[in-house]
C-alpha cells in the first residue's frame, strides 16, 4: 500500500505543475496581447464602418476663444479660409493639418453641430498649456459671451474624433 501512495503524489504534483505552467503561459500571452493593443490615453483608433473615413478617438482639453482676445481678431492662420467662423473654426496643434475635420460629440447642439475644421493655430494650443502638456488642446472659436459661459459650464476634457 505505501508504494501506491508514493506513486500518486508525484503524479498529482506533476499535474499541478503542468496546470500552473499552462495558466502562466496563457496569462503571459493575454498580457502581451493587451499591452500591444493598448494605446496612450491621448489616442485610440476607432473604425467608422459606414464609410471609408477612419475616426481616431483622442481625449483632449477643450478651450474657447473669441474675437477681440488678441491682435488678430477673426483672422486665422489657415491660408484658404483666412477668417474664423463661429462654431466651425478650431485652433489645433500643428500635428493636425489645416482642413482636418473634428467631431466633438459633447458640443453637438451646443456649439453648432459638433463638427469643426482645423483653421487656426496658437502658441498655447501648440504647447498644450491648458492641459499641462499631457493632452492635445483644441481651442473652439465662439462669441465672447459663449466663451465665458462654456468655459464655466462645460467639461474641460472631452473625447474628440479626428476624421482621417
N, C-alpha and C. Protein backbone atom coordinates (compact mmCIF):
# COMPACT_ATOMS: atom_id res chain seq x y z
N UNK A 1 0.80 -1.21 0.00
CA UNK A 1 0.00 0.00 0.00
C UNK A 1 0.84 1.27 0.00
N UNK A 2 1.87 1.35 0.81
CA UNK A 2 2.64 2.59 0.83
C UNK A 2 3.21 2.93 -0.54
N UNK A 3 3.53 1.96 -1.35
CA UNK A 3 4.11 2.26 -2.66
C UNK A 3 3.10 2.93 -3.59
N UNK A 4 1.81 2.58 -3.49
CA UNK A 4 0.78 3.23 -4.31
C UNK A 4 0.61 4.69 -3.90
N UNK A 5 0.65 5.00 -2.61
CA UNK A 5 0.50 6.37 -2.13
C UNK A 5 1.66 7.22 -2.62
N UNK A 6 2.85 6.68 -2.56
CA UNK A 6 4.02 7.42 -3.03
C UNK A 6 3.93 7.67 -4.53
N UNK A 7 3.42 6.73 -5.26
CA UNK A 7 3.30 6.88 -6.71
C UNK A 7 2.27 7.94 -7.08
N UNK A 8 1.19 8.10 -6.31
CA UNK A 8 0.15 9.07 -6.61
C UNK A 8 0.62 10.50 -6.36
N UNK A 9 1.43 10.72 -5.34
CA UNK A 9 1.87 12.08 -5.01
C UNK A 9 2.67 12.72 -6.14
N UNK A 10 3.65 12.04 -6.73
CA UNK A 10 4.38 12.69 -7.83
C UNK A 10 3.49 12.99 -9.03
N UNK A 11 2.51 12.14 -9.31
CA UNK A 11 1.62 12.38 -10.45
C UNK A 11 0.75 13.61 -10.19
N UNK A 12 0.17 13.72 -9.00
CA UNK A 12 -0.66 14.89 -8.70
C UNK A 12 0.19 16.16 -8.65
N UNK A 13 1.41 16.06 -8.17
CA UNK A 13 2.31 17.23 -8.18
C UNK A 13 2.65 17.62 -9.60
N UNK A 14 2.89 16.63 -10.45
CA UNK A 14 3.21 16.91 -11.84
C UNK A 14 2.03 17.57 -12.56
N UNK A 15 0.84 17.09 -12.28
CA UNK A 15 -0.36 17.69 -12.89
C UNK A 15 -0.53 19.12 -12.42
N UNK A 16 -0.32 19.37 -11.15
CA UNK A 16 -0.43 20.72 -10.60
C UNK A 16 0.58 21.65 -11.25
N UNK A 17 1.82 21.19 -11.38
CA UNK A 17 2.87 22.00 -12.01
C UNK A 17 2.51 22.26 -13.47
N UNK A 18 2.03 21.23 -14.18
CA UNK A 18 1.66 21.38 -15.58
C UNK A 18 0.54 22.42 -15.74
N UNK A 19 -0.49 22.34 -14.92
CA UNK A 19 -1.60 23.29 -14.98
C UNK A 19 -1.11 24.70 -14.68
N UNK A 20 -0.25 24.84 -13.69
CA UNK A 20 0.30 26.15 -13.34
C UNK A 20 1.08 26.74 -14.52
N UNK A 21 1.93 25.91 -15.15
CA UNK A 21 2.73 26.39 -16.28
C UNK A 21 1.82 26.78 -17.45
N UNK A 22 0.80 25.99 -17.69
CA UNK A 22 -0.14 26.28 -18.77
C UNK A 22 -0.87 27.60 -18.53
N UNK A 23 -1.36 27.79 -17.33
CA UNK A 23 -2.05 29.04 -16.98
C UNK A 23 -1.10 30.23 -17.06
N UNK A 24 0.14 30.05 -16.62
CA UNK A 24 1.12 31.13 -16.69
C UNK A 24 1.37 31.55 -18.14
N UNK A 25 1.49 30.56 -19.02
CA UNK A 25 1.72 30.86 -20.44
C UNK A 25 0.53 31.60 -21.04
N UNK A 26 -0.68 31.15 -20.72
CA UNK A 26 -1.89 31.80 -21.23
C UNK A 26 -1.98 33.23 -20.71
N UNK A 27 -1.72 33.43 -19.44
CA UNK A 27 -1.78 34.77 -18.84
C UNK A 27 -0.73 35.69 -19.46
N UNK A 28 0.47 35.17 -19.69
CA UNK A 28 1.53 35.97 -20.30
C UNK A 28 1.13 36.41 -21.70
N UNK A 29 0.58 35.47 -22.49
CA UNK A 29 0.14 35.82 -23.84
C UNK A 29 -0.97 36.86 -23.82
N UNK A 30 -1.91 36.70 -22.92
CA UNK A 30 -3.02 37.66 -22.82
C UNK A 30 -2.51 39.03 -22.42
N UNK A 31 -1.56 39.09 -21.50
CA UNK A 31 -1.00 40.36 -21.06
C UNK A 31 -0.25 41.04 -22.20
N UNK A 32 0.55 40.25 -22.95
CA UNK A 32 1.30 40.82 -24.07
C UNK A 32 0.35 41.32 -25.16
N UNK A 33 -0.69 40.58 -25.46
CA UNK A 33 -1.66 41.00 -26.48
C UNK A 33 -2.37 42.26 -26.04
N UNK A 34 -2.72 42.35 -24.77
CA UNK A 34 -3.40 43.53 -24.24
C UNK A 34 -2.48 44.74 -24.28
N UNK A 35 -1.20 44.54 -23.94
CA UNK A 35 -0.24 45.64 -23.97
C UNK A 35 -0.01 46.13 -25.38
N UNK A 36 0.01 45.21 -26.33
CA UNK A 36 0.24 45.60 -27.72
C UNK A 36 -0.91 46.41 -28.28
N UNK A 37 -2.14 46.11 -27.86
CA UNK A 37 -3.28 46.83 -28.40
C UNK A 37 -3.63 48.07 -27.60
N UNK A 38 -3.14 48.18 -26.38
CA UNK A 38 -3.45 49.34 -25.55
C UNK A 38 -2.68 50.54 -26.09
N UNK A 39 -3.34 51.70 -26.14
CA UNK A 39 -2.71 52.91 -26.62
C UNK A 39 -2.74 53.95 -25.52
N UNK A 40 -2.02 55.02 -25.76
CA UNK A 40 -1.97 56.09 -24.78
C UNK A 40 -3.37 56.66 -24.59
N UNK A 41 -3.61 57.36 -23.45
CA UNK A 41 -4.93 57.95 -23.26
C UNK A 41 -5.21 59.01 -24.31
N UNK A 42 -4.16 59.45 -24.99
CA UNK A 42 -4.31 60.50 -25.97
C UNK A 42 -4.88 60.00 -27.29
N UNK A 43 -4.68 58.69 -27.60
CA UNK A 43 -5.09 58.26 -28.93
C UNK A 43 -5.56 56.80 -28.93
N UNK A 44 -6.71 56.56 -29.49
CA UNK A 44 -7.25 55.22 -29.69
C UNK A 44 -7.93 55.21 -31.05
N UNK A 45 -7.67 54.15 -31.84
CA UNK A 45 -8.29 54.05 -33.16
C UNK A 45 -9.70 53.50 -33.05
N UNK A 46 -10.60 54.08 -33.80
CA UNK A 46 -11.96 53.57 -33.95
C UNK A 46 -12.24 53.56 -35.44
N UNK A 47 -12.83 52.50 -35.94
CA UNK A 47 -13.15 52.50 -37.36
C UNK A 47 -14.61 52.86 -37.57
N UNK A 48 -14.85 53.64 -38.59
CA UNK A 48 -16.20 54.04 -38.96
C UNK A 48 -16.66 53.06 -40.03
N UNK A 49 -17.55 52.15 -39.67
CA UNK A 49 -17.96 51.10 -40.59
C UNK A 49 -18.88 51.59 -41.70
N UNK A 50 -19.48 52.77 -41.54
CA UNK A 50 -20.42 53.27 -42.54
C UNK A 50 -19.74 53.88 -43.76
N UNK A 51 -18.51 54.30 -43.63
CA UNK A 51 -17.83 54.93 -44.76
C UNK A 51 -16.36 54.57 -44.72
N UNK A 52 -15.63 55.13 -45.65
CA UNK A 52 -14.19 54.86 -45.71
C UNK A 52 -13.41 55.80 -44.81
N UNK A 53 -14.09 56.69 -44.14
CA UNK A 53 -13.44 57.61 -43.22
C UNK A 53 -13.02 56.86 -41.97
N UNK A 54 -11.78 57.06 -41.58
CA UNK A 54 -11.29 56.45 -40.35
C UNK A 54 -11.38 57.50 -39.26
N UNK A 55 -11.93 57.12 -38.12
CA UNK A 55 -12.03 58.03 -36.98
C UNK A 55 -10.99 57.63 -35.95
N UNK A 56 -10.28 58.61 -35.45
CA UNK A 56 -9.32 58.38 -34.38
C UNK A 56 -9.84 59.13 -33.16
N UNK A 57 -10.09 58.39 -32.10
CA UNK A 57 -10.61 58.99 -30.87
C UNK A 57 -9.44 59.42 -29.99
N UNK A 58 -9.48 60.67 -29.55
CA UNK A 58 -8.47 61.15 -28.62
C UNK A 58 -9.16 61.89 -27.48
N UNK A 59 -8.54 61.89 -26.36
CA UNK A 59 -9.02 62.67 -25.21
C UNK A 59 -8.28 64.00 -25.31
N UNK A 60 -8.98 65.10 -25.18
CA UNK A 60 -8.35 66.41 -25.37
C UNK A 60 -8.93 67.44 -24.42
N UNK A 61 -8.16 68.47 -24.20
CA UNK A 61 -8.59 69.63 -23.42
C UNK A 61 -9.27 70.58 -24.40
N UNK A 62 -10.48 70.99 -24.09
CA UNK A 62 -11.23 71.91 -24.96
C UNK A 62 -11.24 73.28 -24.30
N UNK A 63 -10.80 74.28 -25.06
CA UNK A 63 -10.86 75.67 -24.60
C UNK A 63 -11.63 76.47 -25.65
N UNK A 64 -11.90 77.71 -25.33
CA UNK A 64 -12.71 78.55 -26.22
C UNK A 64 -12.04 79.90 -26.39
N UNK A 65 -12.09 80.41 -27.61
CA UNK A 65 -11.57 81.76 -27.86
C UNK A 65 -12.55 82.52 -28.72
N UNK A 66 -12.42 83.84 -28.69
CA UNK A 66 -13.36 84.68 -29.43
C UNK A 66 -12.64 85.89 -30.01
N UNK A 67 -13.36 86.61 -30.84
CA UNK A 67 -12.84 87.83 -31.45
C UNK A 67 -12.48 88.83 -30.35
N UNK A 68 -11.44 89.57 -30.56
CA UNK A 68 -11.06 90.60 -29.59
C UNK A 68 -10.12 90.12 -28.50
N UNK A 69 -9.76 88.85 -28.49
CA UNK A 69 -8.84 88.36 -27.47
C UNK A 69 -7.39 88.66 -27.82
N UNK A 70 -7.11 88.88 -29.08
CA UNK A 70 -5.74 89.19 -29.49
C UNK A 70 -5.76 90.16 -30.67
N UNK A 71 -4.60 90.47 -31.17
CA UNK A 71 -4.50 91.46 -32.26
C UNK A 71 -5.03 90.95 -33.60
N UNK A 72 -5.28 89.64 -33.71
CA UNK A 72 -5.69 89.07 -34.98
C UNK A 72 -7.18 89.17 -35.25
N UNK A 73 -7.98 89.40 -34.25
CA UNK A 73 -9.43 89.48 -34.45
C UNK A 73 -9.98 88.17 -34.96
N UNK A 74 -10.73 88.21 -36.05
CA UNK A 74 -11.31 86.99 -36.62
C UNK A 74 -10.41 86.36 -37.67
N UNK A 75 -9.24 86.97 -37.93
CA UNK A 75 -8.32 86.38 -38.89
C UNK A 75 -7.73 85.11 -38.30
N UNK A 76 -7.50 84.11 -39.16
CA UNK A 76 -6.88 82.89 -38.67
C UNK A 76 -5.66 82.54 -39.51
N UNK A 77 -4.98 81.48 -39.12
CA UNK A 77 -3.73 81.11 -39.76
C UNK A 77 -3.89 80.30 -41.04
N UNK A 78 -5.08 79.81 -41.32
CA UNK A 78 -5.29 78.98 -42.50
C UNK A 78 -5.27 79.84 -43.76
N UNK A 79 -4.38 79.53 -44.70
CA UNK A 79 -4.29 80.35 -45.92
C UNK A 79 -5.54 80.29 -46.80
N UNK A 80 -6.34 79.24 -46.70
CA UNK A 80 -7.54 79.12 -47.54
C UNK A 80 -8.71 79.93 -47.00
N UNK A 81 -8.99 79.81 -45.71
CA UNK A 81 -10.19 80.45 -45.17
C UNK A 81 -9.96 81.88 -44.71
N UNK A 82 -8.82 82.14 -44.13
CA UNK A 82 -8.40 83.47 -43.66
C UNK A 82 -9.27 84.08 -42.56
N UNK A 83 -10.52 83.70 -42.46
CA UNK A 83 -11.39 84.28 -41.45
C UNK A 83 -12.07 83.17 -40.64
N UNK A 84 -12.00 83.30 -39.32
CA UNK A 84 -12.60 82.29 -38.44
C UNK A 84 -14.12 82.35 -38.49
N UNK A 85 -14.74 81.19 -38.35
CA UNK A 85 -16.20 81.10 -38.34
C UNK A 85 -16.66 80.54 -37.00
N UNK A 86 -17.61 81.23 -36.38
CA UNK A 86 -18.13 80.79 -35.09
C UNK A 86 -18.78 79.42 -35.24
N UNK A 87 -18.41 78.52 -34.34
CA UNK A 87 -18.98 77.18 -34.35
C UNK A 87 -18.39 76.25 -35.39
N UNK A 88 -17.38 76.71 -36.14
CA UNK A 88 -16.75 75.88 -37.17
C UNK A 88 -15.24 75.81 -36.95
N UNK A 89 -14.63 76.96 -36.72
CA UNK A 89 -13.17 77.05 -36.61
C UNK A 89 -12.68 76.53 -35.27
N UNK A 90 -11.59 75.78 -35.34
CA UNK A 90 -10.91 75.34 -34.13
C UNK A 90 -9.41 75.52 -34.35
N UNK A 91 -8.73 76.00 -33.32
CA UNK A 91 -7.27 76.11 -33.35
C UNK A 91 -6.71 74.81 -32.80
N UNK A 92 -5.69 74.27 -33.47
CA UNK A 92 -5.16 72.97 -33.07
C UNK A 92 -3.64 72.93 -33.21
N UNK A 93 -3.06 71.93 -32.62
CA UNK A 93 -1.63 71.65 -32.69
C UNK A 93 -1.24 71.44 -34.16
N UNK A 94 -0.01 71.79 -34.56
CA UNK A 94 0.41 71.60 -35.95
C UNK A 94 0.35 70.16 -36.46
N UNK A 95 0.26 69.18 -35.57
CA UNK A 95 0.11 67.79 -36.00
C UNK A 95 -1.18 67.62 -36.81
N UNK A 96 -2.18 68.46 -36.53
CA UNK A 96 -3.46 68.40 -37.22
C UNK A 96 -3.43 69.42 -38.36
N UNK A 97 -3.42 68.94 -39.59
CA UNK A 97 -3.31 69.81 -40.76
C UNK A 97 -4.53 70.72 -40.88
N UNK A 98 -4.33 71.87 -41.51
CA UNK A 98 -5.45 72.75 -41.79
C UNK A 98 -6.48 71.98 -42.63
N UNK A 99 -7.74 72.15 -42.30
CA UNK A 99 -8.81 71.46 -43.01
C UNK A 99 -9.21 70.13 -42.38
N UNK A 100 -8.45 69.67 -41.38
CA UNK A 100 -8.81 68.42 -40.71
C UNK A 100 -10.16 68.57 -40.02
N UNK A 101 -11.01 67.59 -40.24
CA UNK A 101 -12.36 67.61 -39.66
C UNK A 101 -12.33 66.92 -38.29
N UNK A 102 -12.95 67.56 -37.31
CA UNK A 102 -13.03 67.02 -35.95
C UNK A 102 -14.48 66.95 -35.51
N UNK A 103 -14.83 65.90 -34.79
CA UNK A 103 -16.16 65.79 -34.18
C UNK A 103 -15.98 65.79 -32.67
N UNK A 104 -16.75 66.64 -32.00
CA UNK A 104 -16.75 66.68 -30.54
C UNK A 104 -18.20 66.46 -30.11
N UNK A 105 -18.58 65.20 -29.87
CA UNK A 105 -19.98 64.87 -29.58
C UNK A 105 -20.60 65.66 -28.43
N UNK A 106 -19.83 65.97 -27.39
CA UNK A 106 -20.41 66.70 -26.25
C UNK A 106 -20.77 68.14 -26.60
N UNK A 107 -20.26 68.65 -27.71
CA UNK A 107 -20.59 70.01 -28.12
C UNK A 107 -21.72 70.05 -29.15
N UNK A 108 -22.18 68.88 -29.60
CA UNK A 108 -23.26 68.83 -30.59
C UNK A 108 -24.51 69.47 -30.01
N UNK A 109 -25.08 70.42 -30.74
CA UNK A 109 -26.26 71.13 -30.29
C UNK A 109 -25.95 72.28 -29.34
N UNK A 110 -24.72 72.37 -28.90
CA UNK A 110 -24.30 73.48 -28.03
C UNK A 110 -23.48 74.47 -28.85
N UNK A 111 -22.48 73.95 -29.55
CA UNK A 111 -21.69 74.77 -30.48
C UNK A 111 -21.90 74.16 -31.86
N UNK A 112 -22.88 74.68 -32.56
CA UNK A 112 -23.21 74.16 -33.88
C UNK A 112 -23.59 72.69 -33.82
N UNK A 113 -23.10 71.95 -34.82
CA UNK A 113 -23.43 70.52 -34.89
C UNK A 113 -22.33 69.64 -34.29
N UNK A 114 -21.36 70.25 -33.63
CA UNK A 114 -20.28 69.49 -33.01
C UNK A 114 -19.19 69.07 -33.98
N UNK A 115 -19.28 69.54 -35.23
CA UNK A 115 -18.28 69.24 -36.26
C UNK A 115 -17.47 70.51 -36.49
N UNK A 116 -16.15 70.39 -36.46
CA UNK A 116 -15.27 71.55 -36.58
C UNK A 116 -14.18 71.29 -37.61
N UNK A 117 -13.57 72.39 -38.08
CA UNK A 117 -12.44 72.31 -39.00
C UNK A 117 -11.24 73.00 -38.38
N UNK A 118 -10.08 72.36 -38.51
CA UNK A 118 -8.85 73.00 -38.04
C UNK A 118 -8.52 74.11 -39.03
N UNK A 119 -8.60 75.36 -38.54
CA UNK A 119 -8.34 76.52 -39.40
C UNK A 119 -7.42 77.53 -38.71
N UNK A 120 -6.91 77.18 -37.55
CA UNK A 120 -6.11 78.15 -36.82
C UNK A 120 -5.06 77.43 -35.99
N UNK A 121 -4.08 78.20 -35.55
CA UNK A 121 -3.02 77.74 -34.66
C UNK A 121 -2.96 78.71 -33.50
N UNK A 122 -2.11 78.41 -32.57
CA UNK A 122 -1.90 79.31 -31.44
C UNK A 122 -0.79 78.76 -30.58
N UNK A 123 -0.03 79.65 -29.99
CA UNK A 123 1.09 79.22 -29.16
C UNK A 123 0.67 78.36 -27.99
N UNK A 124 -0.40 78.74 -27.32
CA UNK A 124 -0.87 77.98 -26.16
C UNK A 124 -1.38 76.60 -26.58
N UNK A 125 -2.00 76.54 -27.75
CA UNK A 125 -2.52 75.26 -28.26
C UNK A 125 -1.34 74.37 -28.66
N UNK A 126 -0.38 74.94 -29.36
CA UNK A 126 0.79 74.18 -29.81
C UNK A 126 1.58 73.63 -28.63
N UNK A 127 1.71 74.41 -27.58
CA UNK A 127 2.48 73.98 -26.39
C UNK A 127 1.64 73.19 -25.39
N UNK A 128 0.36 73.00 -25.69
CA UNK A 128 -0.56 72.24 -24.83
C UNK A 128 -0.61 72.80 -23.41
N UNK A 129 -0.59 74.10 -23.29
CA UNK A 129 -0.54 74.75 -21.99
C UNK A 129 -1.75 74.41 -21.12
N UNK A 130 -2.94 74.46 -21.66
CA UNK A 130 -4.16 74.24 -20.86
C UNK A 130 -4.24 72.83 -20.28
N UNK A 131 -3.53 71.88 -20.89
CA UNK A 131 -3.55 70.50 -20.37
C UNK A 131 -2.24 70.16 -19.65
N UNK A 132 -1.44 71.18 -19.41
CA UNK A 132 -0.13 71.00 -18.76
C UNK A 132 0.75 70.01 -19.54
N UNK A 133 0.63 70.04 -20.86
CA UNK A 133 1.46 69.22 -21.73
C UNK A 133 1.03 67.77 -21.87
N UNK A 134 -0.06 67.37 -21.26
CA UNK A 134 -0.46 65.96 -21.26
C UNK A 134 -1.35 65.57 -22.44
N UNK A 135 -2.21 66.46 -22.87
CA UNK A 135 -3.17 66.16 -23.93
C UNK A 135 -3.14 67.26 -24.98
N UNK A 136 -3.65 66.93 -26.18
CA UNK A 136 -3.82 67.98 -27.18
C UNK A 136 -4.88 68.95 -26.69
N UNK A 137 -4.75 70.20 -27.13
CA UNK A 137 -5.71 71.24 -26.77
C UNK A 137 -6.37 71.71 -28.06
N UNK A 138 -7.70 71.77 -28.06
CA UNK A 138 -8.45 72.31 -29.18
C UNK A 138 -9.18 73.55 -28.69
N UNK A 139 -8.92 74.67 -29.35
CA UNK A 139 -9.48 75.96 -28.97
C UNK A 139 -10.59 76.29 -29.97
N UNK A 140 -11.83 76.24 -29.51
CA UNK A 140 -13.01 76.42 -30.37
C UNK A 140 -13.36 77.90 -30.45
N UNK A 141 -13.58 78.40 -31.67
CA UNK A 141 -13.92 79.80 -31.90
C UNK A 141 -15.41 80.01 -31.68
N UNK A 142 -15.75 80.88 -30.71
CA UNK A 142 -17.15 81.16 -30.34
C UNK A 142 -17.31 82.66 -30.10
N UNK A 143 -18.51 83.10 -29.76
CA UNK A 143 -18.74 84.51 -29.41
C UNK A 143 -18.16 84.78 -28.02
N UNK A 144 -17.88 86.06 -27.70
CA UNK A 144 -17.34 86.37 -26.37
C UNK A 144 -18.23 85.89 -25.21
N UNK A 145 -19.54 86.03 -25.35
CA UNK A 145 -20.42 85.59 -24.25
C UNK A 145 -20.43 84.06 -24.14
N UNK A 146 -20.37 83.38 -25.28
CA UNK A 146 -20.31 81.92 -25.25
C UNK A 146 -19.00 81.45 -24.62
N UNK A 147 -17.92 82.16 -24.91
CA UNK A 147 -16.60 81.78 -24.37
C UNK A 147 -16.64 81.72 -22.86
N UNK A 148 -17.17 82.75 -22.24
CA UNK A 148 -17.24 82.78 -20.77
C UNK A 148 -18.18 81.70 -20.25
N UNK A 149 -19.32 81.55 -20.90
CA UNK A 149 -20.32 80.57 -20.46
C UNK A 149 -19.79 79.14 -20.57
N UNK A 150 -19.24 78.79 -21.72
CA UNK A 150 -18.77 77.42 -21.94
C UNK A 150 -17.58 77.08 -21.06
N UNK A 151 -16.70 78.05 -20.85
CA UNK A 151 -15.53 77.81 -20.01
C UNK A 151 -15.94 77.45 -18.59
N UNK A 152 -17.05 78.01 -18.14
CA UNK A 152 -17.51 77.75 -16.77
C UNK A 152 -18.44 76.54 -16.66
N UNK A 153 -19.19 76.23 -17.72
CA UNK A 153 -20.24 75.22 -17.60
C UNK A 153 -19.93 73.86 -18.24
N UNK A 154 -19.07 73.83 -19.22
CA UNK A 154 -18.82 72.57 -19.93
C UNK A 154 -17.57 71.88 -19.39
N UNK A 155 -17.49 70.55 -19.57
CA UNK A 155 -16.30 69.83 -19.10
C UNK A 155 -15.05 70.32 -19.80
N UNK A 156 -13.94 70.30 -19.09
CA UNK A 156 -12.67 70.74 -19.68
C UNK A 156 -12.12 69.71 -20.66
N UNK A 157 -12.27 68.44 -20.35
CA UNK A 157 -11.73 67.36 -21.18
C UNK A 157 -12.88 66.61 -21.84
N UNK A 158 -12.71 66.35 -23.14
CA UNK A 158 -13.76 65.67 -23.90
C UNK A 158 -13.11 64.71 -24.90
N UNK A 159 -13.92 63.76 -25.38
CA UNK A 159 -13.48 62.89 -26.46
C UNK A 159 -13.64 63.65 -27.77
N UNK A 160 -12.60 63.58 -28.59
CA UNK A 160 -12.60 64.23 -29.90
C UNK A 160 -12.33 63.14 -30.93
N UNK A 161 -13.09 63.15 -32.01
CA UNK A 161 -12.90 62.20 -33.09
C UNK A 161 -12.30 62.93 -34.29
N UNK A 162 -11.10 62.49 -34.68
CA UNK A 162 -10.40 63.08 -35.82
C UNK A 162 -10.76 62.26 -37.05
N UNK A 163 -11.29 62.91 -38.08
CA UNK A 163 -11.66 62.24 -39.32
C UNK A 163 -10.42 62.17 -40.20
N UNK A 164 -10.04 60.95 -40.59
CA UNK A 164 -8.85 60.79 -41.44
C UNK A 164 -9.20 60.10 -42.73
